[in-house]
Amino acid sequence: MGKLDGKVALITGGNSGIGLASAKLFIAEGAKVVITGRDQNTLSSVAQDIGPNILAIQADAADQASMENVVSRAVAAFSRLDIVFANAGIAAPTPLGKTELSVFAEVLKVNVTGVFFTIQAALPHLKEGASIILTGSTRATDGAPERAAYAASKGAISSMARVLVSELSPRGIRVNTLVPGATRTPIWKRSTPEEITKLEAVHARTIPLNRMGIPEEVAQAALFLASDDSSYVQGAEIAVDGGASAAPLGAPIYRQT
């Protein structure tokens, strides 16, 4: 038996990276999965690759009506909703003194407002035992230059999660946050093998385990939070970052030998 037998999951931003890896793992563990994304070609390709237990819907995670439509279609297709993985997010450099308002606002709209209204759209269909998973980031606390909007948005996720725990605990709905560190996903927007290799080498020096993560490693943590294995885990933040946030001074850049 799979850990998610009989369950239905909604994963926003499920057509690539962590969302796609989680969709594949959830289906392997018995779930039916609805994914969203902005690129219809990618969504169609993913749906064809994975098979009948997935429903891929083009949607804008930052648009309330769009997400309400997604939830309606998910419930119509699979009759229930048990897991919401509000994973969709964008990143953009926002250097102080050089940033347009529209760029800053878009990051916050997708990463914060979109998450809230995704959960609100799903809420009428969630019953006791349901699991909500949010995607945070180590960028919320590491002070990376030129990432003010992204860092603020992920800090907001942590704060929002605490409020949602208070509101949803009486209904038996769990809310937890995944906090990935540097992970090989398309959000980095590096196109050549040389750029990717250079990126990984730079980040590896700042991570105690001396490497970047892969989406499948984050997906395993998402599976734990989605399943009944975590039935008494509420309001947790699970870092999947190779030790970067827990023990930054253990990274190779600081080692003497």
C-alpha atoms as a PDB file:
ATOM      1  CA  MET A   1       0.000   0.000   0.000  1.00  0.00           C
ATOM      2  CA  GLY A   2       1.114   3.531  -0.723  1.00  0.00           C
ATOM      3  CA  LYS A   3       1.323   6.264   1.874  1.00  0.00           C
ATOM      4  CA  LEU A   4      -1.279   8.341  -0.006  1.00  0.00           C
ATOM      5  CA  ASP A   5      -3.715   5.663  -1.175  1.00  0.00           C
ATOM      6  CA  GLY A   6      -7.120   7.173  -1.881  1.00  0.00           C
ATOM      7  CA  LYS A   7      -5.996  10.769  -1.368  1.00  0.00           C
ATOM      8  CA  VAL A   8      -6.205  13.674  -3.794  1.00  0.00           C
ATOM      9  CA  ALA A   9      -3.532  16.364  -3.863  1.00  0.00           C
ATOM     10  CA  LEU A  10      -3.350  19.798  -5.447  1.00  0.00           C
ATOM     11  CA  ILE A  11       0.179  20.999  -6.216  1.00  0.00           C
ATOM     12  CA  THR A  12       0.577  24.519  -7.576  1.00  0.00           C
ATOM     13  CA  GLY A  13       3.671  25.041  -9.692  1.00  0.00           C
ATOM     14  CA  GLY A  14       3.609  21.312 -10.280  1.00  0.00           C
ATOM     15  CA  ASN A  15       4.947  21.291 -13.826  1.00  0.00           C
ATOM     16  CA  SER A  16       8.647  21.564 -12.917  1.00  0.00           C
ATOM     17  CA  GLY A  17      11.205  21.370 -10.133  1.00  0.00           C
ATOM     18  CA  ILE A  18      10.062  20.494  -6.613  1.00  0.00           C
ATOM     19  CA  GLY A  19       6.390  20.528  -7.583  1.00  0.00           C
ATOM     20  CA  LEU A  20       6.860  18.042 -10.412  1.00  0.00           C
ATOM     21  CA  ALA A  21       9.053  15.732  -8.331  1.00  0.00           C
ATOM     22  CA  SER A  22       6.394  15.790  -5.602  1.00  0.00           C
ATOM     23  CA  ALA A  23       3.600  15.074  -8.083  1.00  0.00           C
ATOM     24  CA  LYS A  24       5.416  12.001  -9.394  1.00  0.00           C
ATOM     25  CA  LEU A  25       6.161  10.749  -5.871  1.00  0.00           C
ATOM     26  CA  PHE A  26       2.620  11.348  -4.617  1.00  0.00           C
ATOM     27  CA  ILE A  27       1.194   9.393  -7.549  1.00  0.00           C
ATOM     28  CA  ALA A  28       3.670   6.562  -6.946  1.00  0.00           C
ATOM     29  CA  GLU A  29       2.371   6.477  -3.366  1.00  0.00           C
ATOM     30  CA  GLY A  30      -1.234   6.086  -4.484  1.00  0.00           C
ATOM     31  CA  ALA A  31      -2.577   9.617  -4.803  1.00  0.00           C
ATOM     32  CA  LYS A  32      -4.385  11.317  -7.613  1.00  0.00           C
ATOM     33  CA  VAL A  33      -2.785  14.701  -8.271  1.00  0.00           C
ATOM     34  CA  VAL A  34      -3.862  17.995  -9.783  1.00  0.00           C
ATOM     35  CA  ILE A  35      -1.017  20.260 -10.874  1.00  0.00           C
ATOM     36  CA  THR A  36      -1.042  23.846 -12.045  1.00  0.00           C
ATOM     37  CA  GLY A  37       1.381  25.958 -14.005  1.00  0.00           C
ATOM     38  CA  ARG A  38       1.453  28.849 -16.450  1.00  0.00           C
ATOM     39  CA  ASP A  39       2.919  27.010 -19.458  1.00  0.00           C
ATOM     40  CA  GLN A  40       0.344  24.835 -21.215  1.00  0.00           C
ATOM     41  CA  ASN A  41       2.948  23.016 -23.313  1.00  0.00           C
ATOM     42  CA  THR A  42       4.873  21.941 -20.237  1.00  0.00           C
ATOM     43  CA  LEU A  43       1.681  20.916 -18.458  1.00  0.00           C
ATOM     44  CA  SER A  44       0.537  18.826 -21.418  1.00  0.00           C
ATOM     45  CA  SER A  45       3.913  17.120 -21.645  1.00  0.00           C
ATOM     46  CA  VAL A  46       3.928  16.303 -17.941  1.00  0.00           C
ATOM     47  CA  ALA A  47       0.382  14.932 -18.048  1.00  0.00           C
ATOM     48  CA  GLN A  48       1.219  12.719 -21.024  1.00  0.00           C
ATOM     49  CA  ASP A  49       4.357  11.471 -19.319  1.00  0.00           C
ATOM     50  CA  ILE A  50       2.756  10.623 -15.973  1.00  0.00           C
ATOM     51  CA  GLY A  51      -0.566   9.155 -17.083  1.00  0.00           C
ATOM     52  CA  PRO A  52      -4.211   9.004 -15.963  1.00  0.00           C
ATOM     53  CA  ASN A  53      -3.782   9.823 -12.271  1.00  0.00           C
ATOM     54  CA  ILE A  54      -2.828  13.411 -12.967  1.00  0.00           C
ATOM     55  CA  LEU A  55      -4.899  16.402 -14.012  1.00  0.00           C
ATOM     56  CA  ALA A  56      -2.867  19.335 -15.367  1.00  0.00           C
ATOM     57  CA  ILE A  57      -4.574  22.731 -15.413  1.00  0.00           C
ATOM     58  CA  GLN A  58      -3.158  25.969 -16.759  1.00  0.00           C
ATOM     59  CA  ALA A  59      -3.672  28.593 -14.073  1.00  0.00           C
ATOM     60  CA  ASP A  60      -2.229  31.720 -12.526  1.00  0.00           C
ATOM     61  CA  ALA A  61      -1.583  30.991  -8.855  1.00  0.00           C
ATOM     62  CA  ALA A  62      -1.825  34.711  -8.086  1.00  0.00           C
ATOM     63  CA  ASP A  63      -5.337  35.032  -9.524  1.00  0.00           C
ATOM     64  CA  GLN A  64      -8.182  34.239  -7.117  1.00  0.00           C
ATOM     65  CA  ALA A  65     -10.737  33.276  -9.761  1.00  0.00           C
ATOM     66  CA  SER A  66      -8.205  31.089 -11.540  1.00  0.00           C
ATOM     67  CA  MET A  67      -7.471  29.088  -8.393  1.00  0.00           C
ATOM     68  CA  GLU A  68     -11.150  28.765  -7.529  1.00  0.00           C
ATOM     69  CA  ASN A  69     -11.643  27.262 -10.986  1.00  0.00           C
ATOM     70  CA  VAL A  70      -8.754  24.843 -10.413  1.00  0.00           C
ATOM     71  CA  VAL A  71     -10.229  23.623  -7.136  1.00  0.00           C
ATOM     72  CA  SER A  72     -13.675  23.172  -8.700  1.00  0.00           C
ATOM     73  CA  ARG A  73     -12.218  21.131 -11.549  1.00  0.00           C
ATOM     74  CA  ALA A  74     -10.109  19.057  -9.151  1.00  0.00           C
ATOM     75  CA  VAL A  75     -13.109  18.122  -7.012  1.00  0.00           C
ATOM     76  CA  ALA A  76     -15.246  17.465 -10.101  1.00  0.00           C
ATOM     77  CA  ALA A  77     -12.587  15.112 -11.476  1.00  0.00           C
ATOM     78  CA  PHE A  78     -11.580  13.264  -8.302  1.00  0.00           C
ATOM     79  CA  SER A  79     -14.510  13.901  -5.898  1.00  0.00           C
ATOM     80  CA  ARG A  80     -12.388  15.116  -2.972  1.00  0.00           C
ATOM     81  CA  LEU A  81      -9.340  17.107  -1.891  1.00  0.00           C
ATOM     82  CA  ASP A  82      -7.019  16.025   0.910  1.00  0.00           C
ATOM     83  CA  ILE A  83      -3.677  17.750   0.321  1.00  0.00           C
ATOM     84  CA  VAL A  84      -2.816  21.268  -0.804  1.00  0.00           C
ATOM     85  CA  PHE A  85       0.834  21.879  -1.627  1.00  0.00           C
ATOM     86  CA  ALA A  86       0.977  25.636  -2.252  1.00  0.00           C
ATOM     87  CA  ASN A  87       4.304  25.497  -4.004  1.00  0.00           C
ATOM     88  CA  ALA A  88       4.049  27.980  -6.893  1.00  0.00           C
ATOM     89  CA  GLY A  89       6.529  30.800  -6.617  1.00  0.00           C
ATOM     90  CA  ILE A  90       8.746  33.110  -8.618  1.00  0.00           C
ATOM     91  CA  ALA A  91      12.101  34.740  -7.986  1.00  0.00           C
ATOM     92  CA  ALA A  92      13.513  37.949  -9.407  1.00  0.00           C
ATOM     93  CA  PRO A  93      16.435  40.175  -8.403  1.00  0.00           C
ATOM     94  CA  THR A  94      15.242  43.350  -6.664  1.00  0.00           C
ATOM     95  CA  PRO A  95      18.390  45.390  -5.917  1.00  0.00           C
ATOM     96  CA  LEU A  96      17.816  48.453  -3.781  1.00  0.00           C
ATOM     97  CA  GLY A  97      17.857  51.602  -5.950  1.00  0.00           C
ATOM     98  CA  LYS A  98      17.345  49.757  -9.239  1.00  0.00           C
ATOM     99  CA  THR A  99      14.025  47.925  -8.891  1.00  0.00           C
ATOM    100  CA  GLU A 100      10.757  48.674 -10.665  1.00  0.00           C
ATOM    101  CA  LEU A 101       7.611  48.584  -8.532  1.00  0.00           C
ATOM    102  CA  SER A 102       5.967  46.099 -10.884  1.00  0.00           C
ATOM    103  CA  VAL A 103       8.758  43.536 -10.394  1.00  0.00           C
ATOM    104  CA  PHE A 104       8.679  43.793  -6.602  1.00  0.00           C
ATOM    105  CA  ALA A 105       4.893  43.639  -6.499  1.00  0.00           C
ATOM    106  CA  GLU A 106       4.689  40.599  -8.779  1.00  0.00           C
ATOM    107  CA  VAL A 107       6.967  38.538  -6.530  1.00  0.00           C
ATOM    108  CA  LEU A 108       4.813  39.340  -3.498  1.00  0.00           C
ATOM    109  CA  LYS A 109       1.584  38.760  -5.415  1.00  0.00           C
ATOM    110  CA  VAL A 110       2.565  35.271  -6.564  1.00  0.00           C
ATOM    111  CA  ASN A 111       4.501  34.134  -3.506  1.00  0.00           C
ATOM    112  CA  VAL A 112       2.262  35.505  -0.754  1.00  0.00           C
ATOM    113  CA  THR A 113      -1.172  36.596  -1.987  1.00  0.00           C
ATOM    114  CA  GLY A 114      -1.416  33.640  -4.360  1.00  0.00           C
ATOM    115  CA  VAL A 115      -0.644  31.165  -1.575  1.00  0.00           C
ATOM    116  CA  PHE A 116      -3.331  32.615   0.694  1.00  0.00           C
ATOM    117  CA  PHE A 117      -6.040  32.540  -1.958  1.00  0.00           C
ATOM    118  CA  THR A 118      -5.065  29.049  -3.116  1.00  0.00           C
ATOM    119  CA  ILE A 119      -5.689  27.801   0.409  1.00  0.00           C
ATOM    120  CA  GLN A 120      -8.878  29.828   0.727  1.00  0.00           C
ATOM    121  CA  ALA A 121     -10.224  28.330  -2.506  1.00  0.00           C
ATOM    122  CA  ALA A 122      -9.475  24.802  -1.304  1.00  0.00           C
ATOM    123  CA  LEU A 123     -10.737  25.228   2.249  1.00  0.00           C
ATOM    124  CA  PRO A 124     -14.423  24.361   1.715  1.00  0.00           C
ATOM    125  CA  HIS A 125     -13.370  20.913   0.478  1.00  0.00           C
ATOM    126  CA  LEU A 126     -10.792  20.084   3.156  1.00  0.00           C
ATOM    127  CA  LYS A 127     -11.872  17.774   5.953  1.00  0.00           C
ATOM    128  CA  GLU A 128     -10.329  16.687   9.234  1.00  0.00           C
ATOM    129  CA  GLY A 129      -6.957  15.079   8.560  1.00  0.00           C
ATOM    130  CA  ALA A 130      -6.220  17.218   5.507  1.00  0.00           C
ATOM    131  CA  SER A 131      -2.699  18.543   5.031  1.00  0.00           C
ATOM    132  CA  ILE A 132      -1.600  21.951   3.779  1.00  0.00           C
ATOM    133  CA  ILE A 133       2.053  22.336   2.820  1.00  0.00           C
ATOM    134  CA  LEU A 134       3.663  25.689   2.134  1.00  0.00           C
ATOM    135  CA  THR A 135       7.003  26.277   0.423  1.00  0.00           C
ATOM    136  CA  GLY A 136       9.323  28.615   2.275  1.00  0.00           C
ATOM    137  CA  SER A 137      13.002  29.212   1.583  1.00  0.00           C
ATOM    138  CA  THR A 138      16.289  29.695   3.372  1.00  0.00           C
ATOM    139  CA  ARG A 139      16.379  33.032   1.537  1.00  0.00           C
ATOM    140  CA  ALA A 140      13.934  34.295   4.183  1.00  0.00           C
ATOM    141  CA  THR A 141      16.744  34.432   6.724  1.00  0.00           C
ATOM    142  CA  ASP A 142      20.115  34.378   4.955  1.00  0.00           C
ATOM    143  CA  GLY A 143      20.223  38.025   3.855  1.00  0.00           C
ATOM    144  CA  ALA A 144      21.201  37.310   0.256  1.00  0.00           C
ATOM    145  CA  PRO A 145      21.891  40.581  -1.598  1.00  0.00           C
ATOM    146  CA  GLU A 146      19.390  41.760  -4.229  1.00  0.00           C
ATOM    147  CA  ARG A 147      16.684  39.381  -3.001  1.00  0.00           C
ATOM    148  CA  ALA A 148      14.579  41.718  -0.835  1.00  0.00           C
ATOM    149  CA  ALA A 149      11.225  40.871  -2.441  1.00  0.00           C
ATOM    150  CA  TYR A 150      11.835  37.130  -2.549  1.00  0.00           C
ATOM    151  CA  ALA A 151      13.188  37.039   1.012  1.00  0.00           C
ATOM    152  CA  ALA A 152      10.269  39.111   2.270  1.00  0.00           C
ATOM    153  CA  SER A 153       7.798  36.841   0.510  1.00  0.00           C
ATOM    154  CA  LYS A 154       9.230  33.707   2.059  1.00  0.00           C
ATOM    155  CA  GLY A 155       9.420  35.305   5.488  1.00  0.00           C
ATOM    156  CA  ALA A 156       5.740  36.106   5.035  1.00  0.00           C
ATOM    157  CA  ILE A 157       5.044  32.427   4.353  1.00  0.00           C
ATOM    158  CA  SER A 158       6.480  31.487   7.744  1.00  0.00           C
ATOM    159  CA  SER A 159       4.381  34.142   9.468  1.00  0.00           C
ATOM    160  CA  MET A 160       1.248  33.208   7.530  1.00  0.00           C
ATOM    161  CA  ALA A 161       1.676  29.543   8.416  1.00  0.00           C
ATOM    162  CA  ARG A 162       1.468  30.335  12.136  1.00  0.00           C
ATOM    163  CA  VAL A 163      -1.844  32.138  11.640  1.00  0.00           C
ATOM    164  CA  LEU A 164      -3.238  29.319   9.517  1.00  0.00           C
ATOM    165  CA  VAL A 165      -2.281  26.807  12.214  1.00  0.00           C
ATOM    166  CA  SER A 166      -4.334  28.791  14.722  1.00  0.00           C
ATOM    167  CA  GLU A 167      -7.319  29.039  12.409  1.00  0.00           C
ATOM    168  CA  LEU A 168      -7.324  25.486  11.076  1.00  0.00           C
ATOM    169  CA  SER A 169      -6.301  23.375  14.076  1.00  0.00           C
ATOM    170  CA  PRO A 170      -9.903  23.339  15.403  1.00  0.00           C
ATOM    171  CA  ARG A 171     -10.910  21.716  12.114  1.00  0.00           C
ATOM    172  CA  GLY A 172      -8.180  19.076  12.331  1.00  0.00           C
ATOM    173  CA  ILE A 173      -6.329  20.468   9.307  1.00  0.00           C
ATOM    174  CA  ARG A 174      -2.550  20.532   9.483  1.00  0.00           C
ATOM    175  CA  VAL A 175      -0.348  23.324   8.113  1.00  0.00           C
ATOM    176  CA  ASN A 176       3.399  22.889   7.769  1.00  0.00           C
ATOM    177  CA  THR A 177       6.185  24.548   5.819  1.00  0.00           C
ATOM    178  CA  LEU A 178       8.969  23.070   3.736  1.00  0.00           C
ATOM    179  CA  VAL A 179      12.110  25.212   3.659  1.00  0.00           C
ATOM    180  CA  PRO A 180      14.325  24.177   0.752  1.00  0.00           C
ATOM    181  CA  GLY A 181      17.854  25.424   0.482  1.00  0.00           C
ATOM    182  CA  ALA A 182      19.807  25.607  -2.768  1.00  0.00           C
ATOM    183  CA  THR A 183      18.115  23.045  -5.019  1.00  0.00           C
ATOM    184  CA  ARG A 184      18.644  22.294  -8.702  1.00  0.00           C
ATOM    185  CA  THR A 185      15.420  23.655 -10.180  1.00  0.00           C
ATOM    186  CA  PRO A 186      14.508  25.849 -13.172  1.00  0.00           C
ATOM    187  CA  ILE A 187      13.983  28.845 -10.863  1.00  0.00           C
ATOM    188  CA  TRP A 188      17.750  29.478 -11.148  1.00  0.00           C
ATOM    189  CA  LYS A 189      17.306  30.180 -14.879  1.00  0.00           C
ATOM    190  CA  ARG A 190      20.739  28.909 -15.862  1.00  0.00           C
ATOM    191  CA  SER A 191      20.779  27.546 -19.391  1.00  0.00           C
ATOM    192  CA  THR A 192      24.167  25.992 -20.060  1.00  0.00           C
ATOM    193  CA  PRO A 193      25.949  23.098 -18.347  1.00  0.00           C
ATOM    194  CA  GLU A 194      28.885  25.409 -17.626  1.00  0.00           C
ATOM    195  CA  GLU A 195      26.673  27.926 -15.814  1.00  0.00           C
ATOM    196  CA  ILE A 196      25.010  25.166 -13.808  1.00  0.00           C
ATOM    197  CA  THR A 197      28.365  23.668 -12.828  1.00  0.00           C
ATOM    198  CA  LYS A 198      29.665  27.063 -11.706  1.00  0.00           C
ATOM    199  CA  LEU A 199      26.491  27.757  -9.740  1.00  0.00           C
ATOM    200  CA  GLU A 200      26.675  24.428  -7.941  1.00  0.00           C
ATOM    201  CA  ALA A 201      30.337  24.866  -7.086  1.00  0.00           C
ATOM    202  CA  VAL A 202      29.693  28.277  -5.531  1.00  0.00           C
ATOM    203  CA  HIS A 203      26.722  27.084  -3.475  1.00  0.00           C
ATOM    204  CA  ALA A 204      28.354  23.826  -2.397  1.00  0.00           C
ATOM    205  CA  ARG A 205      31.017  25.760  -0.488  1.00  0.00           C
ATOM    206  CA  THR A 206      28.310  27.297   1.722  1.00  0.00           C
ATOM    207  CA  ILE A 207      26.491  24.028   2.513  1.00  0.00           C
ATOM    208  CA  PRO A 208      27.771  21.611   5.198  1.00  0.00           C
ATOM    209  CA  LEU A 209      26.933  18.601   3.014  1.00  0.00           C
ATOM    210  CA  ASN A 210      28.988  20.253   0.240  1.00  0.00           C
ATOM    211  CA  ARG A 211      26.404  20.028  -2.542  1.00  0.00           C
ATOM    212  CA  MET A 212      23.109  21.425  -3.762  1.00  0.00           C
ATOM    213  CA  GLY A 213      19.951  19.416  -3.266  1.00  0.00           C
ATOM    214  CA  ILE A 214      17.760  17.834  -5.893  1.00  0.00           C
ATOM    215  CA  PRO A 215      13.965  18.191  -6.152  1.00  0.00           C
ATOM    216  CA  GLU A 216      13.377  14.547  -5.264  1.00  0.00           C
ATOM    217  CA  GLU A 217      14.932  15.095  -1.829  1.00  0.00           C
ATOM    218  CA  VAL A 218      12.519  17.911  -1.063  1.00  0.00           C
ATOM    219  CA  ALA A 219       9.657  15.811  -2.434  1.00  0.00           C
ATOM    220  CA  GLN A 220      10.384  13.107   0.148  1.00  0.00           C
ATOM    221  CA  ALA A 221       9.877  15.665   2.916  1.00  0.00           C
ATOM    222  CA  ALA A 222       6.660  16.823   1.233  1.00  0.00           C
ATOM    223  CA  LEU A 223       5.449  13.227   1.167  1.00  0.00           C
ATOM    224  CA  PHE A 224       6.015  12.947   4.912  1.00  0.00           C
ATOM    225  CA  LEU A 225       3.974  16.092   5.547  1.00  0.00           C
ATOM    226  CA  ALA A 226       1.239  15.024   3.134  1.00  0.00           C
ATOM    227  CA  SER A 227       0.844  11.563   4.622  1.00  0.00           C
ATOM    228  CA  ASP A 228      -0.587  10.317   7.891  1.00  0.00           C
ATOM    229  CA  ASP A 229       2.990   9.643   9.019  1.00  0.00           C
ATOM    230  CA  SER A 230       2.994  13.285  10.143  1.00  0.00           C
ATOM    231  CA  SER A 231      -0.456  13.207  11.772  1.00  0.00           C
ATOM    232  CA  TYR A 232       0.827  15.015  14.913  1.00  0.00           C
ATOM    233  CA  VAL A 233       3.131  17.428  13.093  1.00  0.00           C
ATOM    234  CA  GLN A 234       1.547  20.871  13.107  1.00  0.00           C
ATOM    235  CA  GLY A 235       3.133  24.261  12.453  1.00  0.00           C
ATOM    236  CA  ALA A 236       6.549  22.787  11.716  1.00  0.00           C
ATOM    237  CA  GLU A 237       9.208  24.178   9.412  1.00  0.00           C
ATOM    238  CA  ILE A 238      11.289  21.407   7.893  1.00  0.00           C
ATOM    239  CA  ALA A 239      14.545  22.594   6.364  1.00  0.00           C
ATOM    240  CA  VAL A 240      15.837  20.542   3.449  1.00  0.00           C
ATOM    241  CA  ASP A 241      19.072  22.419   2.901  1.00  0.00           C
ATOM    242  CA  GLY A 242      22.052  20.208   3.627  1.00  0.00           C
ATOM    243  CA  GLY A 243      22.592  21.892   6.992  1.00  0.00           C
ATOM    244  CA  ALA A 244      23.016  25.413   5.624  1.00  0.00           C
ATOM    245  CA  SER A 245      20.590  27.078   8.031  1.00  0.00           C
ATOM    246  CA  ALA A 246      21.254  24.906  11.090  1.00  0.00           C
ATOM    247  CA  ALA A 247      25.054  24.994  11.020  1.00  0.00           C
ATOM    248  CA  PRO A 248      26.334  27.570   8.511  1.00  0.00           C
ATOM    249  CA  LEU A 249      29.806  27.560  10.027  1.00  0.00           C
ATOM    250  CA  GLY A 250      30.070  23.870   9.197  1.00  0.00           C
ATOM    251  CA  ALA A 251      30.190  24.664   5.490  1.00  0.00           C
ATOM    252  CA  PRO A 252      33.353  23.907   3.484  1.00  0.00           C
ATOM    253  CA  ILE A 253      34.154  27.619   3.082  1.00  0.00           C
ATOM    254  CA  TYR A 254      34.869  27.789   6.824  1.00  0.00           C
ATOM    255  CA  ARG A 255      36.731  24.491   7.235  1.00  0.00           C
ATOM    256  CA  GLN A 256      40.405  24.589   8.055  1.00  0.00           C
ATOM    257  CA  THR A 257      41.188  21.175   6.621  1.00  0.00           C
END
